[in-house]
Amino acid sequence: MPIPLPVPLADSLPPRVAVLDDDQVFLTLLRDVLTEAGYEACTLRPGIGGHEVLRTLAPAAIILDLPDDAGVLAWRLLALCARDAHLRHIPLLVCVPDDGHASDRASALHHPRSTLVCKPFTLDALLTSLERLQGQHAGAHSAHAT
């Protein structure tokens, strides 16, 4: 009888990050950058069904772009994530235009683990924000677990 292979521990797998943006070129670039940084990147465009896809993916973090043109679907997805018990604990990095309204957008976010990143940003700054956000989430999660 063959000996079963050990199942890898979840900690040994790269953290899965879901990236939602309406620009396919940016999605491809971010997938490559995140993969090189040691993440498993899952890219998709915000739209109908995005909420269900996020629930299925169960990512360690979500990066969501709010486009300059109001991004109704992205805001709707953000609201769904904030209300969903399966998603609201997932750290969320929200990319917004730096047009002087970032503080207004921050107050409009009702997601308990969200952070804003103003565009334009460097990829290094985005990775740093993602790492910081995940570190904050890990600290809050372990404090909550004790």
N, C-alpha and C. Protein backbone atom coordinates (compact mmCIF):
# COMPACT_ATOMS: atom_id res chain seq x y z
N MET A 1 0.84 -1.16 0.00
CA MET A 1 0.00 0.00 0.00
C MET A 1 0.90 1.24 0.00
N PRO A 2 0.63 2.21 -0.91
CA PRO A 2 1.48 3.40 -0.98
C PRO A 2 1.31 4.26 0.26
N ILE A 3 2.41 4.88 0.64
CA ILE A 3 2.38 5.79 1.79
C ILE A 3 1.88 7.14 1.30
N PRO A 4 0.85 7.69 1.95
CA PRO A 4 0.33 8.99 1.49
C PRO A 4 1.36 10.09 1.74
N LEU A 5 1.42 10.99 0.79
CA LEU A 5 2.31 12.14 0.93
C LEU A 5 1.74 13.10 1.96
N PRO A 6 2.61 13.77 2.72
CA PRO A 6 2.08 14.73 3.69
C PRO A 6 1.44 15.91 2.98
N VAL A 7 0.38 16.39 3.57
CA VAL A 7 -0.29 17.57 3.03
C VAL A 7 0.49 18.79 3.51
N PRO A 8 0.86 19.70 2.60
CA PRO A 8 1.62 20.87 3.05
C PRO A 8 0.80 21.72 4.02
N LEU A 9 1.47 22.26 5.01
CA LEU A 9 0.81 23.14 5.94
C LEU A 9 0.43 24.43 5.25
N ALA A 10 -0.67 25.02 5.66
CA ALA A 10 -1.12 26.27 5.04
C ALA A 10 -0.06 27.36 5.14
N ASP A 11 0.75 27.34 6.21
CA ASP A 11 1.78 28.35 6.37
C ASP A 11 2.88 28.23 5.33
N SER A 12 3.03 27.04 4.73
CA SER A 12 4.10 26.86 3.76
C SER A 12 3.67 27.28 2.35
N LEU A 13 2.39 27.56 2.16
CA LEU A 13 1.90 28.00 0.86
C LEU A 13 2.05 29.52 0.75
N PRO A 14 2.29 30.01 -0.46
CA PRO A 14 2.37 31.48 -0.59
C PRO A 14 1.00 32.10 -0.32
N PRO A 15 0.99 33.27 0.31
CA PRO A 15 -0.30 33.93 0.56
C PRO A 15 -0.99 34.28 -0.75
N ARG A 16 -2.28 33.99 -0.82
CA ARG A 16 -3.06 34.30 -2.02
C ARG A 16 -3.58 35.73 -1.93
N VAL A 17 -3.34 36.49 -2.98
CA VAL A 17 -3.82 37.86 -3.05
C VAL A 17 -4.71 37.99 -4.29
N ALA A 18 -5.93 38.45 -4.08
CA ALA A 18 -6.84 38.70 -5.20
C ALA A 18 -6.68 40.17 -5.61
N VAL A 19 -6.51 40.39 -6.91
CA VAL A 19 -6.35 41.74 -7.44
C VAL A 19 -7.49 42.01 -8.40
N LEU A 20 -8.23 43.08 -8.15
CA LEU A 20 -9.36 43.45 -9.00
C LEU A 20 -9.09 44.82 -9.60
N ASP A 21 -9.07 44.86 -10.92
CA ASP A 21 -8.83 46.11 -11.65
C ASP A 21 -9.48 45.96 -13.01
N ASP A 22 -9.87 47.08 -13.61
CA ASP A 22 -10.49 47.02 -14.94
C ASP A 22 -9.47 47.09 -16.07
N ASP A 23 -8.20 47.24 -15.75
CA ASP A 23 -7.13 47.36 -16.74
C ASP A 23 -6.34 46.05 -16.81
N GLN A 24 -6.49 45.31 -17.91
CA GLN A 24 -5.85 44.01 -18.05
C GLN A 24 -4.32 44.11 -18.03
N VAL A 25 -3.77 45.18 -18.58
CA VAL A 25 -2.31 45.35 -18.58
C VAL A 25 -1.81 45.49 -17.14
N PHE A 26 -2.52 46.28 -16.34
CA PHE A 26 -2.13 46.44 -14.94
C PHE A 26 -2.29 45.14 -14.18
N LEU A 27 -3.35 44.39 -14.46
CA LEU A 27 -3.55 43.10 -13.79
C LEU A 27 -2.38 42.16 -14.08
N THR A 28 -1.95 42.12 -15.33
CA THR A 28 -0.83 41.26 -15.71
C THR A 28 0.45 41.70 -15.01
N LEU A 29 0.71 42.99 -15.00
CA LEU A 29 1.90 43.52 -14.33
C LEU A 29 1.87 43.19 -12.85
N LEU A 30 0.74 43.43 -12.20
CA LEU A 30 0.66 43.17 -10.77
C LEU A 30 0.75 41.69 -10.45
N ARG A 31 0.19 40.85 -11.31
CA ARG A 31 0.32 39.40 -11.10
C ARG A 31 1.80 39.01 -11.12
N ASP A 32 2.55 39.53 -12.08
CA ASP A 32 3.98 39.21 -12.17
C ASP A 32 4.75 39.73 -10.96
N VAL A 33 4.47 40.96 -10.55
CA VAL A 33 5.16 41.57 -9.41
C VAL A 33 4.85 40.81 -8.11
N LEU A 34 3.58 40.50 -7.90
CA LEU A 34 3.20 39.78 -6.69
C LEU A 34 3.79 38.37 -6.66
N THR A 35 3.78 37.70 -7.81
CA THR A 35 4.36 36.35 -7.89
C THR A 35 5.84 36.39 -7.57
N GLU A 36 6.54 37.38 -8.12
CA GLU A 36 7.97 37.53 -7.86
C GLU A 36 8.23 37.84 -6.38
N ALA A 37 7.29 38.51 -5.73
CA ALA A 37 7.43 38.86 -4.31
C ALA A 37 7.01 37.72 -3.38
N GLY A 38 6.59 36.59 -3.96
CA GLY A 38 6.27 35.42 -3.14
C GLY A 38 4.81 35.22 -2.83
N TYR A 39 3.94 35.89 -3.58
CA TYR A 39 2.49 35.73 -3.39
C TYR A 39 1.91 34.86 -4.51
N GLU A 40 0.77 34.28 -4.24
CA GLU A 40 -0.03 33.66 -5.30
C GLU A 40 -1.05 34.71 -5.71
N ALA A 41 -0.92 35.24 -6.90
CA ALA A 41 -1.78 36.32 -7.36
C ALA A 41 -2.92 35.79 -8.21
N CYS A 42 -4.13 36.16 -7.86
CA CYS A 42 -5.32 35.82 -8.64
C CYS A 42 -5.92 37.14 -9.12
N THR A 43 -5.94 37.32 -10.43
CA THR A 43 -6.41 38.59 -10.97
C THR A 43 -7.78 38.43 -11.60
N LEU A 44 -8.62 39.47 -11.41
CA LEU A 44 -9.93 39.48 -12.04
C LEU A 44 -10.41 40.91 -12.16
N ARG A 45 -11.38 41.08 -13.01
CA ARG A 45 -11.99 42.40 -13.21
C ARG A 45 -13.22 42.50 -12.32
N PRO A 46 -13.40 43.68 -11.69
CA PRO A 46 -14.60 43.83 -10.86
C PRO A 46 -15.83 43.77 -11.75
N GLY A 47 -16.83 43.15 -11.28
CA GLY A 47 -18.07 43.05 -12.06
C GLY A 47 -19.02 42.10 -11.39
N ILE A 48 -20.06 41.80 -12.10
CA ILE A 48 -21.07 40.89 -11.59
C ILE A 48 -20.40 39.55 -11.30
N GLY A 49 -20.63 39.02 -10.12
CA GLY A 49 -20.06 37.73 -9.75
C GLY A 49 -18.72 37.83 -9.03
N GLY A 50 -18.13 39.03 -8.96
CA GLY A 50 -16.83 39.18 -8.30
C GLY A 50 -16.88 38.80 -6.84
N HIS A 51 -17.97 39.11 -6.19
CA HIS A 51 -18.16 38.79 -4.78
C HIS A 51 -18.08 37.28 -4.55
N GLU A 52 -18.77 36.51 -5.39
CA GLU A 52 -18.76 35.06 -5.25
C GLU A 52 -17.37 34.48 -5.54
N VAL A 53 -16.69 35.06 -6.53
CA VAL A 53 -15.33 34.60 -6.85
C VAL A 53 -14.42 34.84 -5.66
N LEU A 54 -14.52 35.99 -5.02
CA LEU A 54 -13.69 36.28 -3.85
C LEU A 54 -13.98 35.29 -2.72
N ARG A 55 -15.24 34.96 -2.52
CA ARG A 55 -15.58 33.99 -1.47
C ARG A 55 -14.95 32.64 -1.78
N THR A 56 -14.95 32.24 -3.05
CA THR A 56 -14.36 30.97 -3.45
C THR A 56 -12.85 30.98 -3.30
N LEU A 57 -12.21 32.08 -3.70
CA LEU A 57 -10.75 32.18 -3.62
C LEU A 57 -10.25 32.20 -2.18
N ALA A 58 -11.02 32.81 -1.27
CA ALA A 58 -10.62 32.98 0.12
C ALA A 58 -9.18 33.50 0.22
N PRO A 59 -8.91 34.68 -0.36
CA PRO A 59 -7.54 35.19 -0.37
C PRO A 59 -7.09 35.67 1.01
N ALA A 60 -5.77 35.80 1.17
CA ALA A 60 -5.21 36.36 2.40
C ALA A 60 -5.34 37.87 2.39
N ALA A 61 -5.45 38.47 1.20
CA ALA A 61 -5.62 39.92 1.05
C ALA A 61 -6.26 40.20 -0.30
N ILE A 62 -6.88 41.37 -0.40
CA ILE A 62 -7.52 41.81 -1.64
C ILE A 62 -6.97 43.19 -2.00
N ILE A 63 -6.62 43.36 -3.26
CA ILE A 63 -6.26 44.68 -3.79
C ILE A 63 -7.35 45.07 -4.76
N LEU A 64 -8.01 46.20 -4.49
CA LEU A 64 -9.13 46.64 -5.31
C LEU A 64 -8.87 48.05 -5.81
N ASP A 65 -8.96 48.23 -7.12
CA ASP A 65 -8.79 49.55 -7.71
C ASP A 65 -10.15 50.22 -7.83
N LEU A 66 -10.23 51.45 -7.32
CA LEU A 66 -11.42 52.27 -7.54
C LEU A 66 -11.06 53.26 -8.63
N PRO A 67 -11.60 53.08 -9.83
CA PRO A 67 -11.21 53.92 -10.96
C PRO A 67 -11.64 55.37 -10.79
N ASP A 68 -11.03 56.23 -11.61
CA ASP A 68 -11.32 57.66 -11.58
C ASP A 68 -12.77 57.96 -11.93
N ASP A 69 -13.41 57.08 -12.68
CA ASP A 69 -14.76 57.35 -13.19
C ASP A 69 -15.86 56.82 -12.26
N ALA A 70 -15.67 56.93 -10.98
CA ALA A 70 -16.64 56.55 -9.94
C ALA A 70 -16.66 55.06 -9.67
N GLY A 71 -16.44 54.20 -10.64
CA GLY A 71 -16.32 52.77 -10.40
C GLY A 71 -17.47 52.16 -9.62
N VAL A 72 -18.68 52.29 -10.13
CA VAL A 72 -19.87 51.82 -9.42
C VAL A 72 -19.75 50.35 -9.06
N LEU A 73 -19.30 49.51 -9.98
CA LEU A 73 -19.18 48.08 -9.68
C LEU A 73 -18.15 47.82 -8.59
N ALA A 74 -17.05 48.56 -8.61
CA ALA A 74 -16.02 48.39 -7.59
C ALA A 74 -16.55 48.81 -6.22
N TRP A 75 -17.28 49.94 -6.16
CA TRP A 75 -17.85 50.37 -4.88
C TRP A 75 -18.88 49.37 -4.39
N ARG A 76 -19.68 48.83 -5.30
CA ARG A 76 -20.69 47.82 -4.92
C ARG A 76 -20.00 46.59 -4.35
N LEU A 77 -18.91 46.17 -5.00
CA LEU A 77 -18.16 45.01 -4.52
C LEU A 77 -17.57 45.31 -3.15
N LEU A 78 -17.05 46.50 -2.97
CA LEU A 78 -16.49 46.89 -1.68
C LEU A 78 -17.56 46.81 -0.58
N ALA A 79 -18.76 47.28 -0.87
CA ALA A 79 -19.85 47.23 0.10
C ALA A 79 -20.23 45.78 0.42
N LEU A 80 -20.27 44.93 -0.59
CA LEU A 80 -20.58 43.52 -0.36
C LEU A 80 -19.53 42.85 0.52
N CYS A 81 -18.26 43.17 0.26
CA CYS A 81 -17.18 42.60 1.07
C CYS A 81 -17.29 43.04 2.52
N ALA A 82 -17.66 44.29 2.75
CA ALA A 82 -17.77 44.82 4.10
C ALA A 82 -18.90 44.15 4.88
N ARG A 83 -19.95 43.74 4.18
CA ARG A 83 -21.11 43.12 4.85
C ARG A 83 -20.99 41.60 4.96
N ASP A 84 -20.10 41.00 4.20
CA ASP A 84 -20.00 39.53 4.13
C ASP A 84 -19.11 39.01 5.26
N ALA A 85 -19.65 38.17 6.11
CA ALA A 85 -18.90 37.62 7.24
C ALA A 85 -17.68 36.82 6.79
N HIS A 86 -17.72 36.27 5.59
CA HIS A 86 -16.58 35.49 5.08
C HIS A 86 -15.48 36.37 4.51
N LEU A 87 -15.79 37.61 4.17
CA LEU A 87 -14.82 38.48 3.50
C LEU A 87 -14.37 39.68 4.33
N ARG A 88 -15.18 40.11 5.27
CA ARG A 88 -14.84 41.36 5.96
C ARG A 88 -13.61 41.25 6.85
N HIS A 89 -13.17 40.04 7.17
CA HIS A 89 -11.95 39.89 7.96
C HIS A 89 -10.68 39.91 7.10
N ILE A 90 -10.85 39.87 5.77
CA ILE A 90 -9.70 39.83 4.85
C ILE A 90 -9.17 41.25 4.64
N PRO A 91 -7.87 41.48 4.85
CA PRO A 91 -7.31 42.81 4.61
C PRO A 91 -7.55 43.26 3.17
N LEU A 92 -7.89 44.52 3.03
CA LEU A 92 -8.26 45.08 1.73
C LEU A 92 -7.46 46.35 1.48
N LEU A 93 -6.73 46.33 0.38
CA LEU A 93 -5.95 47.49 -0.05
C LEU A 93 -6.72 48.14 -1.19
N VAL A 94 -7.19 49.37 -0.98
CA VAL A 94 -8.03 50.06 -1.96
C VAL A 94 -7.20 51.16 -2.62
N CYS A 95 -7.06 51.07 -3.93
CA CYS A 95 -6.29 52.04 -4.71
C CYS A 95 -7.24 53.11 -5.23
N VAL A 96 -6.95 54.37 -4.87
CA VAL A 96 -7.82 55.49 -5.25
C VAL A 96 -6.99 56.58 -5.90
N PRO A 97 -7.62 57.39 -6.77
CA PRO A 97 -6.88 58.50 -7.38
C PRO A 97 -6.53 59.55 -6.32
N ASP A 98 -5.35 60.15 -6.45
CA ASP A 98 -4.91 61.20 -5.55
C ASP A 98 -5.44 62.53 -6.09
N ASP A 99 -6.72 62.78 -5.83
CA ASP A 99 -7.37 63.97 -6.37
C ASP A 99 -7.87 64.91 -5.28
N GLY A 100 -7.34 64.74 -4.08
CA GLY A 100 -7.76 65.58 -2.97
C GLY A 100 -8.96 65.07 -2.21
N HIS A 101 -9.53 63.94 -2.63
CA HIS A 101 -10.72 63.39 -1.98
C HIS A 101 -10.44 62.07 -1.27
N ALA A 102 -9.18 61.75 -1.03
CA ALA A 102 -8.83 60.46 -0.41
C ALA A 102 -9.44 60.34 0.98
N SER A 103 -9.44 61.42 1.77
CA SER A 103 -10.01 61.32 3.11
C SER A 103 -11.52 61.09 3.05
N ASP A 104 -12.19 61.67 2.05
CA ASP A 104 -13.63 61.41 1.87
C ASP A 104 -13.86 59.95 1.55
N ARG A 105 -13.00 59.42 0.68
CA ARG A 105 -13.15 58.01 0.31
C ARG A 105 -12.86 57.11 1.52
N ALA A 106 -11.87 57.48 2.32
CA ALA A 106 -11.53 56.67 3.49
C ALA A 106 -12.71 56.59 4.44
N SER A 107 -13.41 57.72 4.64
CA SER A 107 -14.56 57.69 5.53
C SER A 107 -15.73 56.92 4.91
N ALA A 108 -15.77 56.82 3.60
CA ALA A 108 -16.84 56.07 2.93
C ALA A 108 -16.60 54.57 2.97
N LEU A 109 -15.37 54.15 3.25
CA LEU A 109 -15.07 52.73 3.33
C LEU A 109 -15.64 52.19 4.64
N HIS A 110 -16.44 51.17 4.53
CA HIS A 110 -17.01 50.57 5.73
C HIS A 110 -16.42 49.19 5.97
N HIS A 111 -15.33 48.89 5.29
CA HIS A 111 -14.66 47.61 5.46
C HIS A 111 -13.71 47.74 6.64
N PRO A 112 -13.83 46.86 7.64
CA PRO A 112 -13.06 47.03 8.87
C PRO A 112 -11.55 46.87 8.73
N ARG A 113 -11.08 46.23 7.69
CA ARG A 113 -9.64 46.01 7.54
C ARG A 113 -9.14 46.60 6.22
N SER A 114 -9.56 47.82 5.92
CA SER A 114 -9.16 48.42 4.65
C SER A 114 -8.14 49.53 4.86
N THR A 115 -7.31 49.71 3.84
CA THR A 115 -6.32 50.77 3.80
C THR A 115 -6.34 51.37 2.41
N LEU A 116 -6.18 52.68 2.33
CA LEU A 116 -6.13 53.37 1.04
C LEU A 116 -4.69 53.53 0.57
N VAL A 117 -4.50 53.40 -0.73
CA VAL A 117 -3.24 53.73 -1.39
C VAL A 117 -3.61 54.67 -2.53
N CYS A 118 -3.00 55.85 -2.51
CA CYS A 118 -3.32 56.85 -3.54
C CYS A 118 -2.51 56.60 -4.81
N LYS A 119 -3.20 56.71 -5.95
CA LYS A 119 -2.55 56.59 -7.26
C LYS A 119 -2.12 57.98 -7.71
N PRO A 120 -1.02 58.10 -8.37
CA PRO A 120 -0.12 57.02 -8.78
C PRO A 120 0.77 56.58 -7.61
N PHE A 121 1.18 55.34 -7.64
CA PHE A 121 2.05 54.78 -6.62
C PHE A 121 3.10 53.93 -7.32
N THR A 122 4.20 53.68 -6.62
CA THR A 122 5.21 52.78 -7.16
C THR A 122 4.83 51.36 -6.76
N LEU A 123 5.33 50.41 -7.50
CA LEU A 123 5.05 49.02 -7.15
C LEU A 123 5.66 48.66 -5.80
N ASP A 124 6.84 49.23 -5.49
CA ASP A 124 7.44 48.99 -4.18
C ASP A 124 6.54 49.52 -3.07
N ALA A 125 5.95 50.70 -3.27
CA ALA A 125 5.05 51.27 -2.26
C ALA A 125 3.81 50.39 -2.09
N LEU A 126 3.31 49.84 -3.18
CA LEU A 126 2.15 48.96 -3.10
C LEU A 126 2.49 47.70 -2.31
N LEU A 127 3.64 47.10 -2.60
CA LEU A 127 4.07 45.90 -1.88
C LEU A 127 4.27 46.20 -0.39
N THR A 128 4.86 47.35 -0.09
CA THR A 128 5.07 47.73 1.31
C THR A 128 3.72 47.90 2.02
N SER A 129 2.77 48.54 1.36
CA SER A 129 1.44 48.72 1.95
C SER A 129 0.76 47.38 2.17
N LEU A 130 0.91 46.46 1.22
CA LEU A 130 0.32 45.14 1.34
C LEU A 130 0.93 44.39 2.53
N GLU A 131 2.24 44.43 2.65
CA GLU A 131 2.91 43.75 3.77
C GLU A 131 2.49 44.36 5.11
N ARG A 132 2.41 45.69 5.17
CA ARG A 132 2.00 46.37 6.40
C ARG A 132 0.56 45.98 6.75
N LEU A 133 -0.31 45.96 5.76
CA LEU A 133 -1.71 45.62 5.99
C LEU A 133 -1.83 44.19 6.49
N GLN A 134 -1.10 43.28 5.89
CA GLN A 134 -1.16 41.89 6.34
C GLN A 134 -0.59 41.74 7.75
N GLY A 135 0.47 42.51 8.06
CA GLY A 135 1.04 42.47 9.40
C GLY A 135 0.06 42.98 10.44
N GLN A 136 -0.67 44.05 10.11
CA GLN A 136 -1.69 44.57 11.01
C GLN A 136 -2.78 43.54 11.22
N HIS A 137 -3.18 42.87 10.15
CA HIS A 137 -4.23 41.86 10.23
C HIS A 137 -3.77 40.68 11.07
N ALA A 138 -2.53 40.23 10.87
CA ALA A 138 -2.01 39.09 11.62
C ALA A 138 -1.95 39.43 13.10
N GLY A 139 -1.52 40.65 13.44
CA GLY A 139 -1.46 41.07 14.83
C GLY A 139 -2.85 41.13 15.44
N ALA A 140 -3.81 41.68 14.72
CA ALA A 140 -5.18 41.76 15.21
C ALA A 140 -5.79 40.38 15.34
N HIS A 141 -5.48 39.49 14.40
CA HIS A 141 -6.03 38.14 14.43
C HIS A 141 -5.49 37.38 15.63
N SER A 142 -4.17 37.45 15.89
CA SER A 142 -3.61 36.71 17.01
C SER A 142 -4.05 37.32 18.34
N ALA A 143 -4.24 38.64 18.40
CA ALA A 143 -4.75 39.26 19.62
C ALA A 143 -6.18 38.84 19.88
N HIS A 144 -6.96 38.71 18.79
CA HIS A 144 -8.36 38.30 18.91
C HIS A 144 -8.48 36.84 19.31
N ALA A 145 -7.52 36.02 18.87
CA ALA A 145 -7.57 34.57 19.13
C ALA A 145 -7.21 34.25 20.57
N THR A 146 -6.52 35.15 21.28
CA THR A 146 -6.12 34.84 22.65
C THR A 146 -7.11 35.31 23.66
